């Protein structure tokens, strides 16, 4: 039986992107891989936003997606908490019902 997969999403301020990616790349055993994107956050809460972000009406963030076996999610979060305990880093977990390659 294959392991249950989860998608871990991590949002961080852009100035922390390199540190988040370095932490993920340094993990042992190694993670299977991940996707990093530059994104813009929209909403009512602009606490901590810079002046430019307030004027534009969006907050710049780095988003990382990891598809992991369920057992690796907490290990990944524990490492991030240990190395980067920052209140501006947000995360959530979602089920992955299916995953594969088209060819």
Protein backbone atom coordinates (compact mmCIF):
# COMPACT_ATOMS: atom_id res chain seq x y z
CA UNK A 1 0.00 0.00 0.00
CA UNK A 2 1.43 3.38 -0.97
CA UNK A 3 1.74 6.14 1.66
CA UNK A 4 -0.97 8.78 1.97
CA UNK A 5 0.20 11.95 0.28
CA UNK A 6 -0.32 15.48 1.58
CA UNK A 7 0.44 18.86 0.07
CA UNK A 8 2.21 21.17 2.48
CA UNK A 9 1.95 24.84 1.50
CA UNK A 10 4.30 27.36 3.10
CA UNK A 11 3.94 31.15 2.71
CA UNK A 12 6.80 33.39 3.81
CA UNK A 13 7.91 36.98 3.37
CA UNK A 14 10.10 37.23 0.28
CA UNK A 15 13.16 38.24 2.32
CA UNK A 16 12.98 34.83 4.03
CA UNK A 17 12.66 32.82 0.81
CA UNK A 18 16.34 31.81 0.58
CA UNK A 19 16.41 30.70 4.22
CA UNK A 20 13.22 28.63 3.82
CA UNK A 21 14.52 26.96 0.64
CA UNK A 22 17.92 26.30 2.23
CA UNK A 23 16.24 24.67 5.22
CA UNK A 24 14.17 22.43 2.95
CA UNK A 25 17.18 21.52 0.80
CA UNK A 26 19.27 20.65 3.88
CA UNK A 27 16.73 18.23 5.35
CA UNK A 28 17.87 14.66 6.00
CA UNK A 29 16.51 12.36 4.81
CA UNK A 30 16.09 14.52 1.74
CA UNK A 31 12.67 15.71 0.65
CA UNK A 32 11.37 14.46 -2.71
CA UNK A 33 11.32 17.99 -4.18
CA UNK A 34 9.17 21.09 -4.11
CA UNK A 35 7.92 24.04 -6.13
CA UNK A 36 8.63 27.66 -5.17
CA UNK A 37 6.62 30.58 -6.50
CA UNK A 38 6.53 34.35 -6.07
CA UNK A 39 2.97 35.31 -5.13
CA UNK A 40 0.95 38.33 -4.00
CA UNK A 41 -1.32 38.20 -0.97
CA UNK A 42 -4.60 40.12 -1.01
CA UNK A 43 -6.97 40.79 1.85
CA UNK A 44 -7.86 43.12 4.67
CA UNK A 45 -4.91 42.49 6.99
CA UNK A 46 -1.93 44.64 5.99
CA UNK A 47 -0.25 44.59 9.39
CA UNK A 48 3.48 44.35 8.76
CA UNK A 49 3.15 45.38 5.11
CA UNK A 50 5.69 47.81 3.75
CA UNK A 51 4.68 51.21 2.38
CA UNK A 52 4.96 50.05 -1.23
CA UNK A 53 2.81 47.00 -0.47
CA UNK A 54 0.18 49.18 1.22
CA UNK A 55 0.04 51.50 -1.80
CA UNK A 56 -0.26 48.58 -4.24
CA UNK A 57 -2.82 46.79 -2.07
CA UNK A 58 -0.99 43.45 -2.03
CA UNK A 59 1.75 41.81 -0.02
CA UNK A 60 4.68 40.04 -1.68
CA UNK A 61 5.21 36.48 -0.49
CA UNK A 62 7.13 33.38 -1.42
CA UNK A 63 5.04 30.19 -1.63
CA UNK A 64 6.43 26.67 -1.51
CA UNK A 65 4.43 23.54 -2.37
CA UNK A 66 5.62 20.13 -1.23
CA UNK A 67 3.84 16.84 -1.92
CA UNK A 68 4.95 14.48 0.83
CA UNK A 69 4.05 11.22 2.47
CA UNK A 70 1.86 12.07 5.45
CA UNK A 71 4.58 11.03 7.92
CA UNK A 72 7.05 13.58 6.49
CA UNK A 73 4.81 16.62 6.97
CA UNK A 74 5.39 16.98 10.72
CA UNK A 75 9.13 16.28 10.33
CA UNK A 76 9.33 19.11 7.78
CA UNK A 77 7.37 21.53 9.98
CA UNK A 78 9.49 20.63 13.03
CA UNK A 79 12.70 21.46 11.14
CA UNK A 80 11.27 24.77 9.90
CA UNK A 81 10.07 25.70 13.40
CA UNK A 82 13.49 24.89 14.85
CA UNK A 83 15.48 26.89 12.29
CA UNK A 84 13.00 29.66 11.43
CA UNK A 85 10.53 30.47 14.22
CA UNK A 86 9.04 33.50 12.44
CA UNK A 87 5.44 34.72 12.90
CA UNK A 88 5.27 35.78 9.24
CA UNK A 89 5.58 32.20 8.00
CA UNK A 90 2.19 30.57 7.43
CA UNK A 91 1.52 26.95 6.48
CA UNK A 92 -1.33 24.54 5.81
CA UNK A 93 -1.81 20.91 4.76
CA UNK A 94 -4.20 19.46 2.19
CA UNK A 95 -4.90 15.89 1.07
CA UNK A 96 -3.59 14.73 -2.31
CA UNK A 97 -6.13 12.31 -3.77
CA UNK A 98 -4.06 11.31 -6.79
CA UNK A 99 -0.73 12.14 -8.41
CA UNK A 100 1.13 10.83 -11.41
CA UNK A 101 2.75 11.51 -14.76
CA UNK A 102 0.87 11.68 -18.06
CA UNK A 103 3.39 9.51 -19.92
